[in-house]
């Protein structure tokens, strides 16, 4: 059986709640302990850096993808197992999701939302069938959950959209869900 890969979308900042950094670090450690490869945005800043450093410290395989224009801004983490530089953000997202078996979204900003919505839209359109998990650390994504429910409730999305996301609140719950979903 080949190694599983988990694409992690998360902030290039740490956010104000220390629980976000703690969750990113713990999740990186748990991914490595499972023997799963981390696929992420190749930054060494914010939650991206936290999850990658934790995975590396636990002996994990890391696959980072960064567009050339963000190499300086996100401090491209070149000591990864695999480091890929793309021309565009769109290419970055495509390479990340195509090299993963599942997607996990930690707290983040507009970039993380963009990545989540692209993965969710592609799933809705049948372009992939990979599990998508949202880690709702300390209720960070509560309003997103409500927004998705509103999209469905107001008739702008099919009710199946809700089935494409597994909501978890902690790193260990994400690992448990991934074990179930990736088998």
Protein backbone atom coordinates (compact mmCIF):
# COMPACT_ATOMS: atom_id res chain seq x y z
CA UNK A 1 0.00 0.00 0.00
CA UNK A 2 1.43 3.37 -0.99
CA UNK A 3 2.02 6.23 1.41
CA UNK A 4 -1.01 8.45 1.99
CA UNK A 5 -0.67 12.19 1.47
CA UNK A 6 -2.70 14.87 3.22
CA UNK A 7 -2.98 18.37 1.77
CA UNK A 8 -3.16 20.98 4.53
CA UNK A 9 -4.53 24.44 3.84
CA UNK A 10 -3.89 26.96 6.62
CA UNK A 11 -2.81 30.49 7.38
CA UNK A 12 0.48 32.14 6.51
CA UNK A 13 -0.07 33.94 9.81
CA UNK A 14 -0.53 32.50 13.30
CA UNK A 15 -3.75 34.32 14.19
CA UNK A 16 -4.48 35.73 17.63
CA UNK A 17 -5.48 32.52 19.43
CA UNK A 18 -2.50 30.36 20.50
CA UNK A 19 -4.74 27.30 20.05
CA UNK A 20 -4.37 27.68 16.26
CA UNK A 21 -0.57 27.28 16.35
CA UNK A 22 -0.86 24.46 18.87
CA UNK A 23 -3.32 22.62 16.62
CA UNK A 24 -1.10 23.10 13.54
CA UNK A 25 1.95 21.81 15.37
CA UNK A 26 0.10 18.85 16.87
CA UNK A 27 -1.43 17.97 13.50
CA UNK A 28 1.99 18.02 11.79
CA UNK A 29 3.34 15.69 14.47
CA UNK A 30 0.39 13.31 14.17
CA UNK A 31 0.63 13.21 10.37
CA UNK A 32 4.27 12.17 10.61
CA UNK A 33 3.50 9.58 13.28
CA UNK A 34 0.87 8.05 10.97
CA UNK A 35 3.49 7.82 8.21
CA UNK A 36 1.45 10.18 6.02
CA UNK A 37 3.08 12.80 3.81
CA UNK A 38 2.28 16.47 4.39
CA UNK A 39 1.41 18.37 1.22
CA UNK A 40 1.20 22.11 1.87
CA UNK A 41 2.02 25.59 0.61
CA UNK A 42 5.78 25.39 1.32
CA UNK A 43 5.86 28.47 3.55
CA UNK A 44 7.92 28.75 6.72
CA UNK A 45 5.63 31.35 8.27
CA UNK A 46 2.38 31.22 10.24
CA UNK A 47 0.47 27.99 10.66
CA UNK A 48 2.08 26.65 7.47
CA UNK A 49 5.49 26.81 9.10
CA UNK A 50 4.16 25.31 12.34
CA UNK A 51 2.67 22.24 10.68
CA UNK A 52 5.73 21.65 8.48
CA UNK A 53 8.33 22.05 11.24
CA UNK A 54 6.36 19.70 13.49
CA UNK A 55 6.06 17.08 10.73
CA UNK A 56 9.79 17.33 10.02
CA UNK A 57 10.71 17.12 13.71
CA UNK A 58 8.77 13.85 13.88
CA UNK A 59 10.50 12.41 10.80
CA UNK A 60 7.66 13.10 8.39
CA UNK A 61 7.78 13.35 4.62
CA UNK A 62 6.99 16.89 3.44
CA UNK A 63 5.93 18.10 0.00
CA UNK A 64 5.77 21.88 -0.39
CA UNK A 65 4.40 23.81 -3.35
CA UNK A 66 4.91 27.56 -3.67
CA UNK A 67 4.47 30.03 -6.53
CA UNK A 68 7.57 31.99 -7.49
CA UNK A 69 6.03 35.32 -6.43
CA UNK A 70 5.56 34.11 -2.83
CA UNK A 71 9.06 32.70 -2.29
CA UNK A 72 10.12 35.81 -0.33
CA UNK A 73 6.79 36.71 1.27
CA UNK A 74 6.05 33.24 2.66
CA UNK A 75 9.73 32.41 3.23
CA UNK A 76 9.87 29.33 1.01
CA UNK A 77 10.88 26.36 3.18
CA UNK A 78 13.53 24.76 0.99
CA UNK A 79 14.57 21.99 3.43
CA UNK A 80 11.47 19.91 2.69
CA UNK A 81 11.53 16.36 1.33
CA UNK A 82 10.18 17.79 -1.93
CA UNK A 83 10.02 21.50 -2.82
CA UNK A 84 8.17 22.61 -5.96
CA UNK A 85 8.06 26.16 -7.33
CA UNK A 86 5.13 26.96 -9.63
CA UNK A 87 4.45 29.92 -11.91
CA UNK A 88 0.98 30.76 -10.56
CA UNK A 89 -1.30 30.35 -7.56
CA UNK A 90 -3.70 28.29 -9.65
CA UNK A 91 -0.91 25.89 -10.59
CA UNK A 92 0.08 25.67 -6.91
CA UNK A 93 -3.43 24.64 -5.88
CA UNK A 94 -3.66 22.08 -8.67
CA UNK A 95 -0.31 20.48 -7.82
CA UNK A 96 -1.21 20.35 -4.13
CA UNK A 97 -4.59 18.67 -4.51
CA UNK A 98 -3.43 16.29 -7.25
CA UNK A 99 -0.63 15.06 -4.97
CA UNK A 100 -2.92 14.39 -2.00
CA UNK A 101 -5.41 11.76 -0.91
CA UNK A 102 -7.33 14.12 1.40
CA UNK A 103 -7.60 17.81 2.27
CA UNK A 104 -7.56 19.28 5.79
CA UNK A 105 -8.27 22.96 6.39
CA UNK A 106 -6.95 24.59 9.56
CA UNK A 107 -7.63 28.20 10.53
CA UNK A 108 -6.53 30.68 7.90
CA UNK A 109 -7.51 33.71 5.87
CA UNK A 110 -8.65 34.46 2.33
CA UNK A 111 -6.04 32.17 0.75
CA UNK A 112 -7.19 29.21 2.84
CA UNK A 113 -10.81 29.96 1.93
CA UNK A 114 -9.87 30.16 -1.75
CA UNK A 115 -8.16 26.77 -1.51
CA UNK A 116 -11.07 25.22 0.37
CA UNK A 117 -13.68 26.54 -2.03
CA UNK A 118 -11.74 25.37 -5.06
CA UNK A 119 -11.36 21.87 -3.57
CA UNK A 120 -15.04 21.87 -2.59
CA UNK A 121 -16.18 23.07 -6.03
CA UNK A 122 -14.01 20.50 -7.79
CA UNK A 123 -15.51 17.81 -5.54
CA UNK A 124 -19.02 19.03 -6.30
CA UNK A 125 -18.25 18.90 -10.03
CA UNK A 126 -16.87 15.36 -9.75
CA UNK A 127 -13.27 16.32 -10.56
CA UNK A 128 -12.09 14.46 -7.44
CA UNK A 129 -13.60 12.41 -4.63
CA UNK A 130 -11.05 13.16 -1.91
CA UNK A 131 -12.22 13.70 1.66
CA UNK A 132 -12.27 17.32 2.80
CA UNK A 133 -11.96 18.01 6.53
CA UNK A 134 -12.34 21.37 8.22
CA UNK A 135 -10.63 21.61 11.62
CA UNK A 136 -12.81 24.04 13.54
CA UNK A 137 -10.28 24.93 16.27
CA UNK A 138 -12.03 26.82 19.10
CA UNK A 139 -14.99 27.50 16.80
CA UNK A 140 -12.89 29.43 14.27
CA UNK A 141 -14.92 28.16 11.30
CA UNK A 142 -18.39 28.38 12.92
CA UNK A 143 -19.47 31.22 10.63
CA UNK A 144 -18.20 29.31 7.58
CA UNK A 145 -20.30 26.33 8.64
CA UNK A 146 -23.33 28.61 8.95
CA UNK A 147 -22.60 30.19 5.54
CA UNK A 148 -22.46 26.79 3.84
CA UNK A 149 -25.76 25.85 5.52
CA UNK A 150 -27.22 29.13 4.20
CA UNK A 151 -26.02 28.42 0.65
CA UNK A 152 -27.86 25.11 0.79
CA UNK A 153 -30.90 26.49 2.61
CA UNK A 154 -31.32 29.32 0.11
CA UNK A 155 -31.08 26.98 -2.87
CA UNK A 156 -27.65 28.02 -4.20
CA UNK A 157 -26.08 24.63 -3.51
CA UNK A 158 -27.35 21.09 -3.41
CA UNK A 159 -27.71 19.47 0.00
CA UNK A 160 -24.95 17.04 -1.02
CA UNK A 161 -22.47 19.91 -0.53
CA UNK A 162 -22.76 19.40 3.23
CA UNK A 163 -21.75 15.76 2.84
CA UNK A 164 -18.45 16.73 1.19
CA UNK A 165 -17.05 18.26 4.39
CA UNK A 166 -16.22 16.43 7.58
CA UNK A 167 -16.09 18.84 10.52
CA UNK A 168 -13.65 18.14 13.36
CA UNK A 169 -12.44 20.31 16.22
CA UNK A 170 -9.04 18.89 17.13
CA UNK A 171 -6.01 17.31 15.45
CA UNK A 172 -6.60 13.85 16.96
CA UNK A 173 -10.21 13.91 15.71
CA UNK A 174 -8.91 14.78 12.23
CA UNK A 175 -6.50 11.84 12.31
CA UNK A 176 -9.30 9.48 13.43
CA UNK A 177 -11.56 10.72 10.63
CA UNK A 178 -8.76 10.41 8.06
CA UNK A 179 -8.03 6.83 9.14
CA UNK A 180 -11.69 5.99 8.49
CA UNK A 181 -12.00 7.97 5.24
CA UNK A 182 -8.73 6.87 3.64
CA UNK A 183 -9.32 3.13 4.01
